[in-house]
Amino acid sequence: NEKLLCTHDRLSLGNCDFGRYKQPLSAAVPVLRGPQAWRQEGVYGLLPARYWACGDGCTNGKAHAIVGSFIGPNSRCVKGNDLQVSGKPIGDVCVNTQCDGGRLKVQFRRDAT
């Protein structure tokens, strides 16, 4: 198992990679450019046969897919050094964030506060 990594915008995490479809895409098929973000590129019929595959979003992901992460509207990805769940290293995680009086508060999954 590879450790999960934050995306550049801190909104998602996973193991991101470029790939290539084996056959050309139909003009009706959108291209995946990021986690759960579909859009068409170029002119119909000229869509590239490439995709960007990544993990799940911190704001709308699936908790079972990104173990140890807090999923919610204010969640962002942070670097995880030596974090473990059930004795297994997990890498980066999504945490709940809140600004309060000029201070950033961070809440991990299963934290009461």
PDB file of N, CA and C in Angstrom:
ATOM      1  N   ASN A   1       0.816  -1.197   0.000  1.00  0.00           N
ATOM      2  CA  ASN A   1       0.000   0.000   0.000  1.00  0.00           C
ATOM      3  C   ASN A   1       0.856   1.255   0.000  1.00  0.00           C
ATOM      4  N   GLU A   2       0.603   2.132  -0.968  1.00  0.00           N
ATOM      5  CA  GLU A   2       1.304   3.406  -1.012  1.00  0.00           C
ATOM      6  C   GLU A   2       0.603   4.391  -0.090  1.00  0.00           C
ATOM      7  N   LYS A   3       1.389   5.254   0.542  1.00  0.00           N
ATOM      8  CA  LYS A   3       0.805   6.288   1.388  1.00  0.00           C
ATOM      9  C   LYS A   3       0.097   7.312   0.514  1.00  0.00           C
ATOM     10  N   LEU A   4      -0.989   7.854   1.042  1.00  0.00           N
ATOM     11  CA  LEU A   4      -1.737   8.868   0.318  1.00  0.00           C
ATOM     12  C   LEU A   4      -1.032  10.213   0.423  1.00  0.00           C
ATOM     13  N   LEU A   5      -1.144  11.015  -0.633  1.00  0.00           N
ATOM     14  CA  LEU A   5      -0.500  12.331  -0.698  1.00  0.00           C
ATOM     15  C   LEU A   5      -1.531  13.403  -1.023  1.00  0.00           C
ATOM     16  N   CYS A   6      -1.329  14.606  -0.477  1.00  0.00           N
ATOM     17  CA  CYS A   6      -2.200  15.747  -0.768  1.00  0.00           C
ATOM     18  C   CYS A   6      -2.028  16.192  -2.218  1.00  0.00           C
ATOM     19  N   THR A   7      -3.118  16.662  -2.815  1.00  0.00           N
ATOM     20  CA  THR A   7      -3.020  17.315  -4.112  1.00  0.00           C
ATOM     21  C   THR A   7      -2.517  18.744  -3.891  1.00  0.00           C
ATOM     22  N   HIS A   8      -2.098  19.393  -4.956  1.00  0.00           N
ATOM     23  CA  HIS A   8      -1.505  20.731  -4.834  1.00  0.00           C
ATOM     24  C   HIS A   8      -2.456  21.755  -4.219  1.00  0.00           C
ATOM     25  N   ASP A   9      -3.773  21.584  -4.405  1.00  0.00           N
ATOM     26  CA  ASP A   9      -4.737  22.558  -3.885  1.00  0.00           C
ATOM     27  C   ASP A   9      -5.248  22.222  -2.482  1.00  0.00           C
ATOM     28  N   ARG A  10      -4.766  21.123  -1.914  1.00  0.00           N
ATOM     29  CA  ARG A  10      -5.124  20.683  -0.552  1.00  0.00           C
ATOM     30  C   ARG A  10      -6.591  20.284  -0.406  1.00  0.00           C
ATOM     31  N   LEU A  11      -7.286  20.057  -1.512  1.00  0.00           N
ATOM     32  CA  LEU A  11      -8.693  19.682  -1.449  1.00  0.00           C
ATOM     33  C   LEU A  11      -8.916  18.184  -1.570  1.00  0.00           C
ATOM     34  N   SER A  12      -7.900  17.444  -1.961  1.00  0.00           N
ATOM     35  CA  SER A  12      -8.034  16.006  -2.169  1.00  0.00           C
ATOM     36  C   SER A  12      -6.745  15.305  -1.786  1.00  0.00           C
ATOM     37  N   LEU A  13      -6.825  13.989  -1.694  1.00  0.00           N
ATOM     38  CA  LEU A  13      -5.610  13.214  -1.518  1.00  0.00           C
ATOM     39  C   LEU A  13      -5.775  11.846  -2.140  1.00  0.00           C
ATOM     40  N   GLY A  14      -4.640  11.241  -2.457  1.00  0.00           N
ATOM     41  CA  GLY A  14      -4.617   9.940  -3.097  1.00  0.00           C
ATOM     42  C   GLY A  14      -3.251   9.703  -3.697  1.00  0.00           C
ATOM     43  N   ASN A  15      -3.206   8.817  -4.646  1.00  0.00           N
ATOM     44  CA  ASN A  15      -1.996   8.572  -5.430  1.00  0.00           C
ATOM     45  C   ASN A  15      -2.350   8.941  -6.860  1.00  0.00           C
ATOM     46  N   CYS A  16      -1.921  10.112  -7.276  1.00  0.00           N
ATOM     47  CA  CYS A  16      -2.326  10.658  -8.564  1.00  0.00           C
ATOM     48  C   CYS A  16      -1.358  10.240  -9.661  1.00  0.00           C
ATOM     49  N   ASP A  17      -1.914  10.022 -10.844  1.00  0.00           N
ATOM     50  CA  ASP A  17      -1.083   9.587 -11.951  1.00  0.00           C
ATOM     51  C   ASP A  17      -1.798   9.876 -13.259  1.00  0.00           C
ATOM     52  N   PHE A  18      -1.018  10.086 -14.289  1.00  0.00           N
ATOM     53  CA  PHE A  18      -1.578  10.188 -15.625  1.00  0.00           C
ATOM     54  C   PHE A  18      -1.672   8.796 -16.210  1.00  0.00           C
ATOM     55  N   GLY A  19      -2.661   8.599 -17.047  1.00  0.00           N
ATOM     56  CA  GLY A  19      -2.800   7.328 -17.729  1.00  0.00           C
ATOM     57  C   GLY A  19      -3.257   7.583 -19.148  1.00  0.00           C
ATOM     58  N   ARG A  20      -3.348   6.526 -19.913  1.00  0.00           N
ATOM     59  CA  ARG A  20      -3.813   6.638 -21.286  1.00  0.00           C
ATOM     60  C   ARG A  20      -4.877   5.591 -21.521  1.00  0.00           C
ATOM     61  N   TYR A  21      -5.977   6.011 -22.161  1.00  0.00           N
ATOM     62  CA  TYR A  21      -6.994   5.054 -22.559  1.00  0.00           C
ATOM     63  C   TYR A  21      -6.452   4.244 -23.721  1.00  0.00           C
ATOM     64  N   LYS A  22      -6.836   2.978 -23.788  1.00  0.00           N
ATOM     65  CA  LYS A  22      -6.319   2.111 -24.849  1.00  0.00           C
ATOM     66  C   LYS A  22      -6.976   2.398 -26.189  1.00  0.00           C
ATOM     67  N   GLN A  23      -8.204   2.929 -26.160  1.00  0.00           N
ATOM     68  CA  GLN A  23      -8.898   3.245 -27.394  1.00  0.00           C
ATOM     69  C   GLN A  23      -9.350   4.699 -27.345  1.00  0.00           C
ATOM     70  N   PRO A  24      -9.490   5.328 -28.504  1.00  0.00           N
ATOM     71  CA  PRO A  24      -9.944   6.721 -28.525  1.00  0.00           C
ATOM     72  C   PRO A  24     -11.307   6.864 -27.854  1.00  0.00           C
ATOM     73  N   LEU A  25     -11.525   8.007 -27.225  1.00  0.00           N
ATOM     74  CA  LEU A  25     -12.792   8.280 -26.562  1.00  0.00           C
ATOM     75  C   LEU A  25     -13.797   8.848 -27.545  1.00  0.00           C
ATOM     76  N   SER A  26     -15.045   8.533 -27.309  1.00  0.00           N
ATOM     77  CA  SER A  26     -16.126   9.129 -28.070  1.00  0.00           C
ATOM     78  C   SER A  26     -16.259  10.588 -27.645  1.00  0.00           C
ATOM     79  N   ALA A  27     -16.798  11.415 -28.500  1.00  0.00           N
ATOM     80  CA  ALA A  27     -16.985  12.832 -28.174  1.00  0.00           C
ATOM     81  C   ALA A  27     -17.957  13.017 -27.015  1.00  0.00           C
ATOM     82  N   ALA A  28     -18.777  12.023 -26.748  1.00  0.00           N
ATOM     83  CA  ALA A  28     -19.762  12.121 -25.672  1.00  0.00           C
ATOM     84  C   ALA A  28     -19.169  11.810 -24.302  1.00  0.00           C
ATOM     85  N   VAL A  29     -17.935  11.306 -24.260  1.00  0.00           N
ATOM     86  CA  VAL A  29     -17.318  10.917 -22.989  1.00  0.00           C
ATOM     87  C   VAL A  29     -16.429  12.044 -22.487  1.00  0.00           C
ATOM     88  N   PRO A  30     -16.721  12.588 -21.286  1.00  0.00           N
ATOM     89  CA  PRO A  30     -15.863  13.646 -20.746  1.00  0.00           C
ATOM     90  C   PRO A  30     -14.532  13.093 -20.253  1.00  0.00           C
ATOM     91  N   VAL A  31     -13.558  13.968 -20.094  1.00  0.00           N
ATOM     92  CA  VAL A  31     -12.222  13.578 -19.648  1.00  0.00           C
ATOM     93  C   VAL A  31     -12.085  13.891 -18.167  1.00  0.00           C
ATOM     94  N   LEU A  32     -11.567  12.950 -17.401  1.00  0.00           N
ATOM     95  CA  LEU A  32     -11.353  13.169 -15.977  1.00  0.00           C
ATOM     96  C   LEU A  32     -10.075  13.972 -15.790  1.00  0.00           C
ATOM     97  N   ARG A  33     -10.201  15.157 -15.199  1.00  0.00           N
ATOM     98  CA  ARG A  33      -9.046  16.035 -15.035  1.00  0.00           C
ATOM     99  C   ARG A  33      -8.620  16.176 -13.579  1.00  0.00           C
ATOM    100  N   GLY A  34      -9.353  15.632 -12.684  1.00  0.00           N
ATOM    101  CA  GLY A  34      -9.060  15.723 -11.259  1.00  0.00           C
ATOM    102  C   GLY A  34     -10.126  14.965 -10.510  1.00  0.00           C
ATOM    103  N   PRO A  35      -9.978  14.825  -9.202  1.00  0.00           N
ATOM    104  CA  PRO A  35     -10.928  14.040  -8.450  1.00  0.00           C
ATOM    105  C   PRO A  35     -12.354  14.553  -8.607  1.00  0.00           C
ATOM    106  N   GLN A  36     -13.195  13.734  -9.142  1.00  0.00           N
ATOM    107  CA  GLN A  36     -14.618  14.008  -9.295  1.00  0.00           C
ATOM    108  C   GLN A  36     -14.899  15.295 -10.062  1.00  0.00           C
ATOM    109  N   ALA A  37     -13.993  15.729 -10.901  1.00  0.00           N
ATOM    110  CA  ALA A  37     -14.193  16.962 -11.671  1.00  0.00           C
ATOM    111  C   ALA A  37     -14.163  16.617 -13.149  1.00  0.00           C
ATOM    112  N   TRP A  38     -15.324  16.431 -13.728  1.00  0.00           N
ATOM    113  CA  TRP A  38     -15.424  16.055 -15.134  1.00  0.00           C
ATOM    114  C   TRP A  38     -15.635  17.298 -15.985  1.00  0.00           C
ATOM    115  N   ARG A  39     -14.980  17.344 -17.117  1.00  0.00           N
ATOM    116  CA  ARG A  39     -15.246  18.416 -18.066  1.00  0.00           C
ATOM    117  C   ARG A  39     -14.736  17.992 -19.434  1.00  0.00           C
ATOM    118  N   GLN A  40     -15.275  18.607 -20.442  1.00  0.00           N
ATOM    119  CA  GLN A  40     -14.843  18.302 -21.798  1.00  0.00           C
ATOM    120  C   GLN A  40     -13.754  19.275 -22.195  1.00  0.00           C
ATOM    121  N   GLU A  41     -12.839  18.800 -22.990  1.00  0.00           N
ATOM    122  CA  GLU A  41     -11.764  19.654 -23.484  1.00  0.00           C
ATOM    123  C   GLU A  41     -11.757  19.609 -24.998  1.00  0.00           C
ATOM    124  N   GLY A  42     -11.440  20.723 -25.571  1.00  0.00           N
ATOM    125  CA  GLY A  42     -11.296  20.760 -27.017  1.00  0.00           C
ATOM    126  C   GLY A  42     -12.634  20.688 -27.730  1.00  0.00           C
ATOM    127  N   VAL A  43     -12.568  20.395 -28.993  1.00  0.00           N
ATOM    128  CA  VAL A  43     -13.742  20.319 -29.847  1.00  0.00           C
ATOM    129  C   VAL A  43     -14.281  18.897 -29.808  1.00  0.00           C
ATOM    130  N   TYR A  44     -15.620  18.744 -29.917  1.00  0.00           N
ATOM    131  CA  TYR A  44     -16.193  17.401 -29.965  1.00  0.00           C
ATOM    132  C   TYR A  44     -15.469  16.556 -30.998  1.00  0.00           C
ATOM    133  N   GLY A  45     -15.173  15.335 -30.650  1.00  0.00           N
ATOM    134  CA  GLY A  45     -14.476  14.436 -31.555  1.00  0.00           C
ATOM    135  C   GLY A  45     -12.966  14.530 -31.446  1.00  0.00           C
ATOM    136  N   LEU A  46     -12.462  15.557 -30.754  1.00  0.00           N
ATOM    137  CA  LEU A  46     -11.022  15.735 -30.633  1.00  0.00           C
ATOM    138  C   LEU A  46     -10.549  15.631 -29.186  1.00  0.00           C
ATOM    139  N   LEU A  47     -11.332  14.967 -28.351  1.00  0.00           N
ATOM    140  CA  LEU A  47     -10.939  14.824 -26.951  1.00  0.00           C
ATOM    141  C   LEU A  47      -9.672  13.989 -26.835  1.00  0.00           C
ATOM    142  N   PRO A  48      -8.743  14.401 -25.985  1.00  0.00           N
ATOM    143  CA  PRO A  48      -7.516  13.618 -25.819  1.00  0.00           C
ATOM    144  C   PRO A  48      -7.806  12.283 -25.151  1.00  0.00           C
ATOM    145  N   ALA A  49      -7.015  11.288 -25.472  1.00  0.00           N
ATOM    146  CA  ALA A  49      -7.203   9.954 -24.900  1.00  0.00           C
ATOM    147  C   ALA A  49      -6.371   9.814 -23.633  1.00  0.00           C
ATOM    148  N   ARG A  50      -6.349  10.871 -22.817  1.00  0.00           N
ATOM    149  CA  ARG A  50      -5.610  10.865 -21.559  1.00  0.00           C
ATOM    150  C   ARG A  50      -6.547  11.155 -20.410  1.00  0.00           C
ATOM    151  N   TYR A  51      -6.180  10.686 -19.245  1.00  0.00           N
ATOM    152  CA  TYR A  51      -6.972  11.012 -18.069  1.00  0.00           C
ATOM    153  C   TYR A  51      -6.052  11.250 -16.881  1.00  0.00           C
ATOM    154  N   TRP A  52      -6.564  11.950 -15.909  1.00  0.00           N
ATOM    155  CA  TRP A  52      -5.844  12.229 -14.669  1.00  0.00           C
ATOM    156  C   TRP A  52      -6.596  11.501 -13.575  1.00  0.00           C
ATOM    157  N   ALA A  53      -5.952  10.517 -12.976  1.00  0.00           N
ATOM    158  CA  ALA A  53      -6.600   9.713 -11.946  1.00  0.00           C
ATOM    159  C   ALA A  53      -6.046  10.102 -10.590  1.00  0.00           C
ATOM    160  N   CYS A  54      -6.926  10.282  -9.635  1.00  0.00           N
ATOM    161  CA  CYS A  54      -6.482  10.672  -8.305  1.00  0.00           C
ATOM    162  C   CYS A  54      -7.389  10.025  -7.277  1.00  0.00           C
ATOM    163  N   GLY A  55      -7.307  10.492  -6.060  1.00  0.00           N
ATOM    164  CA  GLY A  55      -8.055   9.900  -4.961  1.00  0.00           C
ATOM    165  C   GLY A  55      -9.391  10.562  -4.739  1.00  0.00           C
ATOM    166  N   ASP A  56      -9.705  10.772  -3.479  1.00  0.00           N
ATOM    167  CA  ASP A  56     -10.987  11.339  -3.093  1.00  0.00           C
ATOM    168  C   ASP A  56     -10.826  12.739  -2.536  1.00  0.00           C
ATOM    169  N   GLY A  57     -11.929  13.483  -2.541  1.00  0.00           N
ATOM    170  CA  GLY A  57     -11.922  14.841  -2.037  1.00  0.00           C
ATOM    171  C   GLY A  57     -12.091  14.913  -0.530  1.00  0.00           C
ATOM    172  N   CYS A  58     -11.456  15.899   0.076  1.00  0.00           N
ATOM    173  CA  CYS A  58     -11.581  16.110   1.527  1.00  0.00           C
ATOM    174  C   CYS A  58     -12.963  16.629   1.896  1.00  0.00           C
ATOM    175  N   THR A  59     -13.627  17.324   0.973  1.00  0.00           N
ATOM    176  CA  THR A  59     -14.939  17.884   1.277  1.00  0.00           C
ATOM    177  C   THR A  59     -16.086  16.940   0.943  1.00  0.00           C
ATOM    178  N   ASN A  60     -15.852  15.991   0.039  1.00  0.00           N
ATOM    179  CA  ASN A  60     -16.950  15.126  -0.399  1.00  0.00           C
ATOM    180  C   ASN A  60     -16.511  13.692  -0.682  1.00  0.00           C
ATOM    181  N   GLY A  61     -15.391  13.272  -0.151  1.00  0.00           N
ATOM    182  CA  GLY A  61     -14.876  11.929  -0.420  1.00  0.00           C
ATOM    183  C   GLY A  61     -15.560  10.853   0.404  1.00  0.00           C
ATOM    184  N   LYS A  62     -15.086   9.657   0.233  1.00  0.00           N
ATOM    185  CA  LYS A  62     -15.605   8.505   0.968  1.00  0.00           C
ATOM    186  C   LYS A  62     -14.605   8.139   2.061  1.00  0.00           C
ATOM    187  N   ALA A  63     -15.070   8.140   3.299  1.00  0.00           N
ATOM    188  CA  ALA A  63     -14.186   7.897   4.444  1.00  0.00           C
ATOM    189  C   ALA A  63     -13.465   6.556   4.341  1.00  0.00           C
ATOM    190  N   HIS A  64     -14.127   5.541   3.785  1.00  0.00           N
ATOM    191  CA  HIS A  64     -13.475   4.227   3.682  1.00  0.00           C
ATOM    192  C   HIS A  64     -12.336   4.236   2.661  1.00  0.00           C
ATOM    193  N   ALA A  65     -12.373   5.183   1.733  1.00  0.00           N
ATOM    194  CA  ALA A  65     -11.325   5.259   0.712  1.00  0.00           C
ATOM    195  C   ALA A  65     -10.111   6.048   1.198  1.00  0.00           C
ATOM    196  N   ILE A  66     -10.315   6.957   2.132  1.00  0.00           N
ATOM    197  CA  ILE A  66      -9.213   7.756   2.673  1.00  0.00           C
ATOM    198  C   ILE A  66      -9.232   7.631   4.197  1.00  0.00           C
ATOM    199  N   VAL A  67      -8.771   6.500   4.636  1.00  0.00           N
ATOM    200  CA  VAL A  67      -8.797   6.110   6.047  1.00  0.00           C
ATOM    201  C   VAL A  67      -8.106   7.147   6.927  1.00  0.00           C
ATOM    202  N   GLY A  68      -8.732   7.445   8.055  1.00  0.00           N
ATOM    203  CA  GLY A  68      -8.160   8.375   9.014  1.00  0.00           C
ATOM    204  C   GLY A  68      -8.455   9.827   8.728  1.00  0.00           C
ATOM    205  N   SER A  69      -9.173  10.102   7.659  1.00  0.00           N
ATOM    206  CA  SER A  69      -9.446  11.485   7.268  1.00  0.00           C
ATOM    207  C   SER A  69     -10.814  11.958   7.743  1.00  0.00           C
ATOM    208  N   PHE A  70     -10.900  13.253   8.037  1.00  0.00           N
ATOM    209  CA  PHE A  70     -12.141  13.930   8.400  1.00  0.00           C
ATOM    210  C   PHE A  70     -12.727  14.491   7.114  1.00  0.00           C
ATOM    211  N   ILE A  71     -13.903  14.023   6.707  1.00  0.00           N
ATOM    212  CA  ILE A  71     -14.549  14.482   5.484  1.00  0.00           C
ATOM    213  C   ILE A  71     -15.617  15.503   5.862  1.00  0.00           C
ATOM    214  N   GLY A  72     -15.583  16.674   5.259  1.00  0.00           N
ATOM    215  CA  GLY A  72     -16.576  17.703   5.544  1.00  0.00           C
ATOM    216  C   GLY A  72     -16.332  18.949   4.725  1.00  0.00           C
ATOM    217  N   PRO A  73     -17.270  19.902   4.763  1.00  0.00           N
ATOM    218  CA  PRO A  73     -17.184  21.088   3.906  1.00  0.00           C
ATOM    219  C   PRO A  73     -15.965  21.971   4.166  1.00  0.00           C
ATOM    220  N   ASN A  74     -15.415  21.936   5.371  1.00  0.00           N
ATOM    221  CA  ASN A  74     -14.249  22.768   5.694  1.00  0.00           C
ATOM    222  C   ASN A  74     -12.954  21.974   5.776  1.00  0.00           C
ATOM    223  N   SER A  75     -12.978  20.737   5.321  1.00  0.00           N
ATOM    224  CA  SER A  75     -11.784  19.885   5.418  1.00  0.00           C
ATOM    225  C   SER A  75     -10.762  20.227   4.344  1.00  0.00           C
ATOM    226  N   ARG A  76      -9.495  20.118   4.726  1.00  0.00           N
ATOM    227  CA  ARG A  76      -8.371  20.321   3.811  1.00  0.00           C
ATOM    228  C   ARG A  76      -7.323  19.267   4.112  1.00  0.00           C
ATOM    229  N   CYS A  77      -6.470  18.999   3.141  1.00  0.00           N
ATOM    230  CA  CYS A  77      -5.430  17.984   3.296  1.00  0.00           C
ATOM    231  C   CYS A  77      -4.186  18.590   3.946  1.00  0.00           C
ATOM    232  N   VAL A  78      -3.604  17.849   4.877  1.00  0.00           N
ATOM    233  CA  VAL A  78      -2.355  18.267   5.526  1.00  0.00           C
ATOM    234  C   VAL A  78      -1.345  17.131   5.441  1.00  0.00           C
ATOM    235  N   LYS A  79      -0.062  17.501   5.479  1.00  0.00           N
ATOM    236  CA  LYS A  79       1.002  16.501   5.450  1.00  0.00           C
ATOM    237  C   LYS A  79       0.954  15.687   6.733  1.00  0.00           C
ATOM    238  N   GLY A  80       1.059  14.386   6.598  1.00  0.00           N
ATOM    239  CA  GLY A  80       1.053  13.510   7.763  1.00  0.00           C
ATOM    240  C   GLY A  80       2.407  12.849   7.937  1.00  0.00           C
ATOM    241  N   ASN A  81       3.076  13.147   9.018  1.00  0.00           N
ATOM    242  CA  ASN A  81       4.362  12.517   9.313  1.00  0.00           C
ATOM    243  C   ASN A  81       4.154  11.443  10.365  1.00  0.00           C
ATOM    244  N   ASP A  82       4.429  10.210  10.005  1.00  0.00           N
ATOM    245  CA  ASP A  82       4.339   9.077  10.927  1.00  0.00           C
ATOM    246  C   ASP A  82       2.935   8.838  11.466  1.00  0.00           C
ATOM    247  N   LEU A  83       1.885   9.252  10.734  1.00  0.00           N
ATOM    248  CA  LEU A  83       0.519   8.965  11.165  1.00  0.00           C
ATOM    249  C   LEU A  83       0.174   7.519  10.855  1.00  0.00           C
ATOM    250  N   GLN A  84      -0.564   6.885  11.769  1.00  0.00           N
ATOM    251  CA  GLN A  84      -0.957   5.491  11.592  1.00  0.00           C
ATOM    252  C   GLN A  84      -2.409   5.298  12.004  1.00  0.00           C
ATOM    253  N   VAL A  85      -3.063   4.349  11.354  1.00  0.00           N
ATOM    254  CA  VAL A  85      -4.385   3.883  11.743  1.00  0.00           C
ATOM    255  C   VAL A  85      -4.283   2.377  11.872  1.00  0.00           C
ATOM    256  N   SER A  86      -4.617   1.867  13.035  1.00  0.00           N
ATOM    257  CA  SER A  86      -4.515   0.431  13.325  1.00  0.00           C
ATOM    258  C   SER A  86      -3.112  -0.096  13.041  1.00  0.00           C
ATOM    259  N   GLY A  87      -2.099   0.720  13.349  1.00  0.00           N
ATOM    260  CA  GLY A  87      -0.712   0.300  13.193  1.00  0.00           C
ATOM    261  C   GLY A  87      -0.167   0.381  11.787  1.00  0.00           C
ATOM    262  N   LYS A  88      -0.978   0.874  10.823  1.00  0.00           N
ATOM    263  CA  LYS A  88      -0.526   0.978   9.430  1.00  0.00           C
ATOM    264  C   LYS A  88      -0.330   2.449   9.069  1.00  0.00           C
ATOM    265  N   PRO A  89       0.817   2.789   8.445  1.00  0.00           N
ATOM    266  CA  PRO A  89       1.049   4.178   8.039  1.00  0.00           C
ATOM    267  C   PRO A  89       0.044   4.615   6.978  1.00  0.00           C
ATOM    268  N   ILE A  90      -0.455   5.845   7.094  1.00  0.00           N
ATOM    269  CA  ILE A  90      -1.475   6.320   6.159  1.00  0.00           C
ATOM    270  C   ILE A  90      -1.036   7.516   5.324  1.00  0.00           C
ATOM    271  N   GLY A  91       0.049   8.162   5.671  1.00  0.00           N
ATOM    272  CA  GLY A  91       0.492   9.317   4.891  1.00  0.00           C
ATOM    273  C   GLY A  91      -0.286  10.567   5.250  1.00  0.00           C
ATOM    274  N   ASP A  92      -0.622  11.369   4.241  1.00  0.00           N
ATOM    275  CA  ASP A  92      -1.333  12.628   4.463  1.00  0.00           C
ATOM    276  C   ASP A  92      -2.796  12.350   4.802  1.00  0.00           C
ATOM    277  N   VAL A  93      -3.462  13.331   5.425  1.00  0.00           N
ATOM    278  CA  VAL A  93      -4.863  13.160   5.830  1.00  0.00           C
ATOM    279  C   VAL A  93      -5.651  14.445   5.610  1.00  0.00           C
ATOM    280  N   CYS A  94      -6.962  14.281   5.532  1.00  0.00           N
ATOM    281  CA  CYS A  94      -7.870  15.422   5.517  1.00  0.00           C
ATOM    282  C   CYS A  94      -8.264  15.728   6.953  1.00  0.00           C
ATOM    283  N   VAL A  95      -8.255  17.004   7.309  1.00  0.00           N
ATOM    284  CA  VAL A  95      -8.642  17.440   8.652  1.00  0.00           C
ATOM    285  C   VAL A  95      -9.694  18.541   8.531  1.00  0.00           C
ATOM    286  N   ASN A  96     -10.538  18.643   9.537  1.00  0.00           N
ATOM    287  CA  ASN A  96     -11.509  19.723   9.604  1.00  0.00           C
ATOM    288  C   ASN A  96     -10.770  20.991  10.025  1.00  0.00           C
ATOM    289  N   THR A  97     -11.036  22.093   9.343  1.00  0.00           N
ATOM    290  CA  THR A  97     -10.347  23.344   9.666  1.00  0.00           C
ATOM    291  C   THR A  97     -11.355  24.418  10.051  1.00  0.00           C
ATOM    292  N   GLN A  98     -10.930  25.292  10.951  1.00  0.00           N
ATOM    293  CA  GLN A  98     -11.773  26.414  11.363  1.00  0.00           C
ATOM    294  C   GLN A  98     -10.879  27.562  11.803  1.00  0.00           C
ATOM    295  N   CYS A  99     -11.172  28.760  11.300  1.00  0.00           N
ATOM    296  CA  CYS A  99     -10.451  29.953  11.745  1.00  0.00           C
ATOM    297  C   CYS A  99     -11.254  30.589  12.869  1.00  0.00           C
ATOM    298  N   ASP A 100     -10.590  30.862  13.984  1.00  0.00           N
ATOM    299  CA  ASP A 100     -11.265  31.420  15.153  1.00  0.00           C
ATOM    300  C   ASP A 100     -10.345  32.436  15.820  1.00  0.00           C
ATOM    301  N   GLY A 101     -10.715  33.712  15.757  1.00  0.00           N
ATOM    302  CA  GLY A 101      -9.919  34.756  16.386  1.00  0.00           C
ATOM    303  C   GLY A 101      -8.509  34.852  15.845  1.00  0.00           C
ATOM    304  N   GLY A 102      -8.338  34.643  14.547  1.00  0.00           N
ATOM    305  CA  GLY A 102      -7.014  34.719  13.940  1.00  0.00           C
ATOM    306  C   GLY A 102      -6.177  33.466  14.121  1.00  0.00           C
ATOM    307  N   ARG A 103      -6.767  32.421  14.679  1.00  0.00           N
ATOM    308  CA  ARG A 103      -6.047  31.154  14.882  1.00  0.00           C
ATOM    309  C   ARG A 103      -6.704  30.051  14.062  1.00  0.00           C
ATOM    310  N   LEU A 104      -5.875  29.186  13.524  1.00  0.00           N
ATOM    311  CA  LEU A 104      -6.366  28.041  12.775  1.00  0.00           C
ATOM    312  C   LEU A 104      -6.535  26.864  13.721  1.00  0.00           C
ATOM    313  N   LYS A 105      -7.754  26.318  13.752  1.00  0.00           N
ATOM    314  CA  LYS A 105      -8.019  25.121  14.548  1.00  0.00           C
ATOM    315  C   LYS A 105      -8.126  23.940  13.596  1.00  0.00           C
ATOM    316  N   VAL A 106      -7.513  22.834  13.979  1.00  0.00           N
ATOM    317  CA  VAL A 106      -7.498  21.630  13.151  1.00  0.00           C
ATOM    318  C   VAL A 106      -8.084  20.477  13.951  1.00  0.00           C
ATOM    319  N   GLN A 107      -9.010  19.750  13.319  1.00  0.00           N
ATOM    320  CA  GLN A 107      -9.639  18.607  13.977  1.00  0.00           C
ATOM    321  C   GLN A 107      -9.403  17.354  13.143  1.00  0.00           C
ATOM    322  N   PHE A 108      -8.817  16.346  13.780  1.00  0.00           N
ATOM    323  CA  PHE A 108      -8.616  15.060  13.128  1.00  0.00           C
ATOM    324  C   PHE A 108      -9.871  14.214  13.284  1.00  0.00           C
ATOM    325  N   ARG A 109     -10.018  13.208  12.454  1.00  0.00           N
ATOM    326  CA  ARG A 109     -11.133  12.283  12.581  1.00  0.00           C
ATOM    327  C   ARG A 109     -11.081  11.625  13.956  1.00  0.00           C
ATOM    328  N   ARG A 110     -12.224  11.442  14.538  1.00  0.00           N
ATOM    329  CA  ARG A 110     -12.404  10.837  15.864  1.00  0.00           C
ATOM    330  C   ARG A 110     -11.952  11.739  17.001  1.00  0.00           C
ATOM    331  N   ASP A 111     -11.572  12.988  16.707  1.00  0.00           N
ATOM    332  CA  ASP A 111     -11.302  13.964  17.767  1.00  0.00           C
ATOM    333  C   ASP A 111     -12.634  14.557  18.204  1.00  0.00           C
ATOM    334  N   ALA A 112     -12.834  14.685  19.500  1.00  0.00           N
ATOM    335  CA  ALA A 112     -14.076  15.256  20.016  1.00  0.00           C
ATOM    336  C   ALA A 112     -14.149  16.758  19.764  1.00  0.00           C
ATOM    337  N   THR A 113     -12.990  17.433  19.795  1.00  0.00           N
ATOM    338  CA  THR A 113     -12.990  18.889  19.590  1.00  0.00           C
ATOM    339  C   THR A 113     -11.984  19.282  18.530  1.00  0.00           C
TER     340      THR A 113
END
